[in-house]
C-alpha atoms as a PDB file:
ATOM      1  CA  MET A   1      17.967   2.439  -4.152  1.00  0.00           C
ATOM      2  CA  ASN A   2      15.820   5.262  -5.390  1.00  0.00           C
ATOM      3  CA  GLN A   3      14.338   7.689  -2.611  1.00  0.00           C
ATOM      4  CA  PRO A   4      11.149   9.617  -3.477  1.00  0.00           C
ATOM      5  CA  HIS A   5      11.755  13.236  -2.772  1.00  0.00           C
ATOM      6  CA  VAL A   6       9.103  14.782  -0.514  1.00  0.00           C
ATOM      7  CA  PHE A   7       8.325  18.125   0.693  1.00  0.00           C
ATOM      8  CA  ILE A   8       7.709  18.633   4.272  1.00  0.00           C
ATOM      9  CA  SER A   9       4.612  21.317   5.074  1.00  0.00           C
ATOM     10  CA  TYR A  10       4.140  22.406   8.663  1.00  0.00           C
ATOM     11  CA  ALA A  11       3.180  25.098  10.789  1.00  0.00           C
ATOM     12  CA  GLY A  12       6.116  27.046  11.855  1.00  0.00           C
ATOM     13  CA  GLU A  13       5.524  26.128  15.851  1.00  0.00           C
ATOM     14  CA  ASN A  14       6.147  22.310  15.014  1.00  0.00           C
ATOM     15  CA  TYR A  15       9.713  23.335  13.459  1.00  0.00           C
ATOM     16  CA  GLU A  16      10.910  20.938  16.046  1.00  0.00           C
ATOM     17  CA  ASN A  17       8.868  18.371  14.930  1.00  0.00           C
ATOM     18  CA  LEU A  18      10.774  18.728  11.826  1.00  0.00           C
ATOM     19  CA  GLN A  19      13.866  18.785  12.847  1.00  0.00           C
ATOM     20  CA  ASP A  20      12.929  15.340  14.060  1.00  0.00           C
ATOM     21  CA  VAL A  21      11.924  14.057  10.922  1.00  0.00           C
ATOM     22  CA  ARG A  22      14.608  15.138   8.986  1.00  0.00           C
ATOM     23  CA  ALA A  23      17.640  13.570  11.417  1.00  0.00           C
ATOM     24  CA  ALA A  24      14.910  10.554  11.680  1.00  0.00           C
ATOM     25  CA  ALA A  25      15.623  10.316   7.695  1.00  0.00           C
ATOM     26  CA  SER A  26      19.057  10.856   7.800  1.00  0.00           C
ATOM     27  CA  ASN A  27      19.845   7.795  10.241  1.00  0.00           C
ATOM     28  CA  PRO A  28      21.527   4.952   8.375  1.00  0.00           C
ATOM     29  CA  ASN A  29      19.538   2.695  10.182  1.00  0.00           C
ATOM     30  CA  ASN A  30      15.917   3.833   9.703  1.00  0.00           C
ATOM     31  CA  LEU A  31      14.422   2.039   6.950  1.00  0.00           C
ATOM     32  CA  ILE A  32      12.238   5.797   6.027  1.00  0.00           C
ATOM     33  CA  THR A  33      14.727   7.042   3.439  1.00  0.00           C
ATOM     34  CA  PHE A  34      13.647  10.092   1.299  1.00  0.00           C
ATOM     35  CA  VAL A  35      14.840  13.259  -0.571  1.00  0.00           C
ATOM     36  CA  ASP A  36      13.934  15.977   1.483  1.00  0.00           C
ATOM     37  CA  ARG A  37      12.989  18.953  -1.049  1.00  0.00           C
ATOM     38  CA  SER A  38      12.017  21.619   1.643  1.00  0.00           C
ATOM     39  CA  LEU A  39      13.285  25.002   1.961  1.00  0.00           C
ATOM     40  CA  ALA A  40      16.728  24.445   3.543  1.00  0.00           C
ATOM     41  CA  ASP A  41      16.231  28.058   4.692  1.00  0.00           C
ATOM     42  CA  PRO A  42      13.414  30.315   5.210  1.00  0.00           C
ATOM     43  CA  VAL A  43      12.947  33.084   2.584  1.00  0.00           C
ATOM     44  CA  ARG A  44      13.904  36.748   3.394  1.00  0.00           C
ATOM     45  CA  ASN A  45      13.202  40.151   2.095  1.00  0.00           C
ATOM     46  CA  SER A  46      15.517  42.759   1.022  1.00  0.00           C
ATOM     47  CA  TYR A  47      16.042  43.624   4.828  1.00  0.00           C
ATOM     48  CA  GLY A  48      17.107  40.516   5.494  1.00  0.00           C
ATOM     49  CA  HIS A  49      14.060  39.673   7.684  1.00  0.00           C
ATOM     50  CA  ILE A  50      11.870  36.946   7.549  1.00  0.00           C
ATOM     51  CA  ASN A  51       8.840  36.651   5.474  1.00  0.00           C
ATOM     52  CA  ARG A  52       5.977  36.030   7.370  1.00  0.00           C
ATOM     53  CA  ARG A  53       3.001  37.420   5.194  1.00  0.00           C
ATOM     54  CA  PRO A  54       0.404  34.863   4.772  1.00  0.00           C
ATOM     55  CA  PRO A  55       0.471  33.478   0.829  1.00  0.00           C
ATOM     56  CA  SER A  56      -2.305  35.788  -0.002  1.00  0.00           C
ATOM     57  CA  ASP A  57      -0.202  38.761   0.449  1.00  0.00           C
ATOM     58  CA  PRO A  58       2.172  40.010  -2.983  1.00  0.00           C
ATOM     59  CA  ALA A  59       5.409  40.543  -0.736  1.00  0.00           C
ATOM     60  CA  SER A  60       4.530  36.724  -0.558  1.00  0.00           C
ATOM     61  CA  GLU A  61       5.050  35.960  -4.607  1.00  0.00           C
ATOM     62  CA  GLN A  62       9.068  35.001  -4.137  1.00  0.00           C
ATOM     63  CA  VAL A  63       8.627  32.450  -1.282  1.00  0.00           C
ATOM     64  CA  LYS A  64       5.884  30.841  -2.926  1.00  0.00           C
ATOM     65  CA  GLN A  65       7.608  30.676  -6.171  1.00  0.00           C
ATOM     66  CA  GLU A  66      10.261  29.101  -4.599  1.00  0.00           C
ATOM     67  CA  ILE A  67       8.077  26.134  -2.512  1.00  0.00           C
ATOM     68  CA  GLN A  68       6.212  25.919  -6.405  1.00  0.00           C
ATOM     69  CA  GLU A  69       9.543  24.857  -7.550  1.00  0.00           C
ATOM     70  CA  LEU A  70      10.152  22.608  -4.744  1.00  0.00           C
ATOM     71  CA  LEU A  71       6.585  21.101  -4.840  1.00  0.00           C
ATOM     72  CA  GLN A  72       7.067  20.023  -8.599  1.00  0.00           C
ATOM     73  CA  GLN A  73      10.031  18.333  -7.779  1.00  0.00           C
ATOM     74  CA  ALA A  74       8.424  16.521  -5.273  1.00  0.00           C
ATOM     75  CA  GLY A  75       6.635  13.433  -5.777  1.00  0.00           C
ATOM     76  CA  LYS A  76       4.948  13.314  -2.113  1.00  0.00           C
ATOM     77  CA  LEU A  77       4.026  15.754   0.280  1.00  0.00           C
ATOM     78  CA  LEU A  78       4.277  15.115   3.772  1.00  0.00           C
ATOM     79  CA  VAL A  79       1.840  17.268   6.460  1.00  0.00           C
ATOM     80  CA  LEU A  80       3.271  17.666  10.002  1.00  0.00           C
ATOM     81  CA  VAL A  81      -0.155  17.681  12.022  1.00  0.00           C
ATOM     82  CA  GLY A  82      -0.254  19.743  15.274  1.00  0.00           C
ATOM     83  CA  PRO A  83      -2.469  21.776  16.830  1.00  0.00           C
ATOM     84  CA  ASN A  84      -2.990  24.708  13.960  1.00  0.00           C
ATOM     85  CA  THR A  85      -2.010  22.766  11.025  1.00  0.00           C
ATOM     86  CA  HIS A  86      -5.705  22.712  10.209  1.00  0.00           C
ATOM     87  CA  SER A  87      -5.994  26.536   9.841  1.00  0.00           C
ATOM     88  CA  HIS A  88      -2.194  27.629   8.855  1.00  0.00           C
ATOM     89  CA  GLU A  89      -2.412  29.376   5.401  1.00  0.00           C
ATOM     90  CA  TRP A  90       0.789  28.249   4.313  1.00  0.00           C
ATOM     91  CA  VAL A  91       0.460  24.456   5.064  1.00  0.00           C
ATOM     92  CA  LEU A  92      -2.902  24.913   3.384  1.00  0.00           C
ATOM     93  CA  TRP A  93      -1.902  26.711   0.092  1.00  0.00           C
ATOM     94  CA  GLU A  94       1.087  24.120   0.028  1.00  0.00           C
ATOM     95  CA  VAL A  95      -1.517  21.459   0.234  1.00  0.00           C
ATOM     96  CA  ASP A  96      -4.013  22.870  -2.376  1.00  0.00           C
ATOM     97  CA  THR A  97      -0.863  23.760  -4.300  1.00  0.00           C
ATOM     98  CA  PHE A  98       0.679  19.978  -4.650  1.00  0.00           C
ATOM     99  CA  LEU A  99      -2.930  18.846  -5.346  1.00  0.00           C
ATOM    100  CA  GLN A 100      -2.870  20.987  -8.080  1.00  0.00           C
ATOM    101  CA  MET A 101       0.329  19.837  -9.400  1.00  0.00           C
ATOM    102  CA  HIS A 102      -0.079  16.167  -8.962  1.00  0.00           C
ATOM    103  CA  SER A 103      -2.883  13.903  -9.238  1.00  0.00           C
ATOM    104  CA  GLY A 104      -4.856  11.309  -6.744  1.00  0.00           C
ATOM    105  CA  ARG A 105      -4.397  12.194  -2.488  1.00  0.00           C
ATOM    106  CA  SER A 106      -2.345   8.960  -1.725  1.00  0.00           C
ATOM    107  CA  ARG A 107       0.686  11.449  -2.746  1.00  0.00           C
ATOM    108  CA  VAL A 108      -0.133  13.146   0.516  1.00  0.00           C
ATOM    109  CA  MET A 109       1.024  11.795   3.637  1.00  0.00           C
ATOM    110  CA  PHE A 110       0.130  12.884   7.477  1.00  0.00           C
ATOM    111  CA  MET A 111       2.284  12.542  10.290  1.00  0.00           C
ATOM    112  CA  ARG A 112       0.830  14.148  13.702  1.00  0.00           C
ATOM    113  CA  ILE A 113       3.535  15.216  15.695  1.00  0.00           C
ATOM    114  CA  PRO A 114       4.318  13.849  19.308  1.00  0.00           C
ATOM    115  CA  GLY A 115       1.920  14.040  21.989  1.00  0.00           C
ATOM    116  CA  ASP A 116      -1.129  15.616  19.892  1.00  0.00           C
ATOM    117  CA  TYR A 117      -3.926  13.541  19.286  1.00  0.00           C
ATOM    118  CA  ASP A 118      -7.114  15.158  17.971  1.00  0.00           C
ATOM    119  CA  SER A 119      -6.040  17.915  16.095  1.00  0.00           C
ATOM    120  CA  GLY A 120      -7.859  18.889  12.996  1.00  0.00           C
ATOM    121  CA  MET A 121      -6.529  18.185   9.719  1.00  0.00           C
ATOM    122  CA  PRO A 122      -6.090  20.928   6.754  1.00  0.00           C
ATOM    123  CA  ARG A 123      -9.837  21.151   5.184  1.00  0.00           C
ATOM    124  CA  VAL A 124      -9.380  19.396   1.853  1.00  0.00           C
ATOM    125  CA  PHE A 125      -8.334  16.061   3.464  1.00  0.00           C
ATOM    126  CA  ARG A 126     -11.355  16.381   6.364  1.00  0.00           C
ATOM    127  CA  GLY A 127     -12.409  12.587   7.004  1.00  0.00           C
ATOM    128  CA  TYR A 128      -9.059  11.634   6.010  1.00  0.00           C
ATOM    129  CA  VAL A 129      -7.165   9.310   8.646  1.00  0.00           C
ATOM    130  CA  PRO A 130      -3.847  10.425   9.253  1.00  0.00           C
ATOM    131  CA  PHE A 131      -0.899   8.388  10.198  1.00  0.00           C
ATOM    132  CA  THR A 132      -0.387   8.668  13.740  1.00  0.00           C
ATOM    133  CA  GLY A 133       2.400   6.025  14.654  1.00  0.00           C
END
């Protein structure tokens, strides 16, 4: 069976939820199968520190290039929706970049983190009803 390649976009504070999604995908008893095309590890600067700068900062070019390569390879984008997703600069940049590379909003999926029922969506998808299930 051909597994879709998925890039998972999330706000940093939802990292634990990302690990839950990855664990579910690796469970052979789970019907959801995909190849995770997200960054395996954070991108670090020349001092070994994690780059925490926004995508608009010139120092983020290396991070953006690595993410763009993964977004290009991904057939779907999964956005984990939590309290700050709607305003997280990297999530917004990833969604915008993915949509520029791939036609159709149907390639973008949303999944609310457990216990989050009313957080806002990224501006490009306002009015879109995410999967809450």
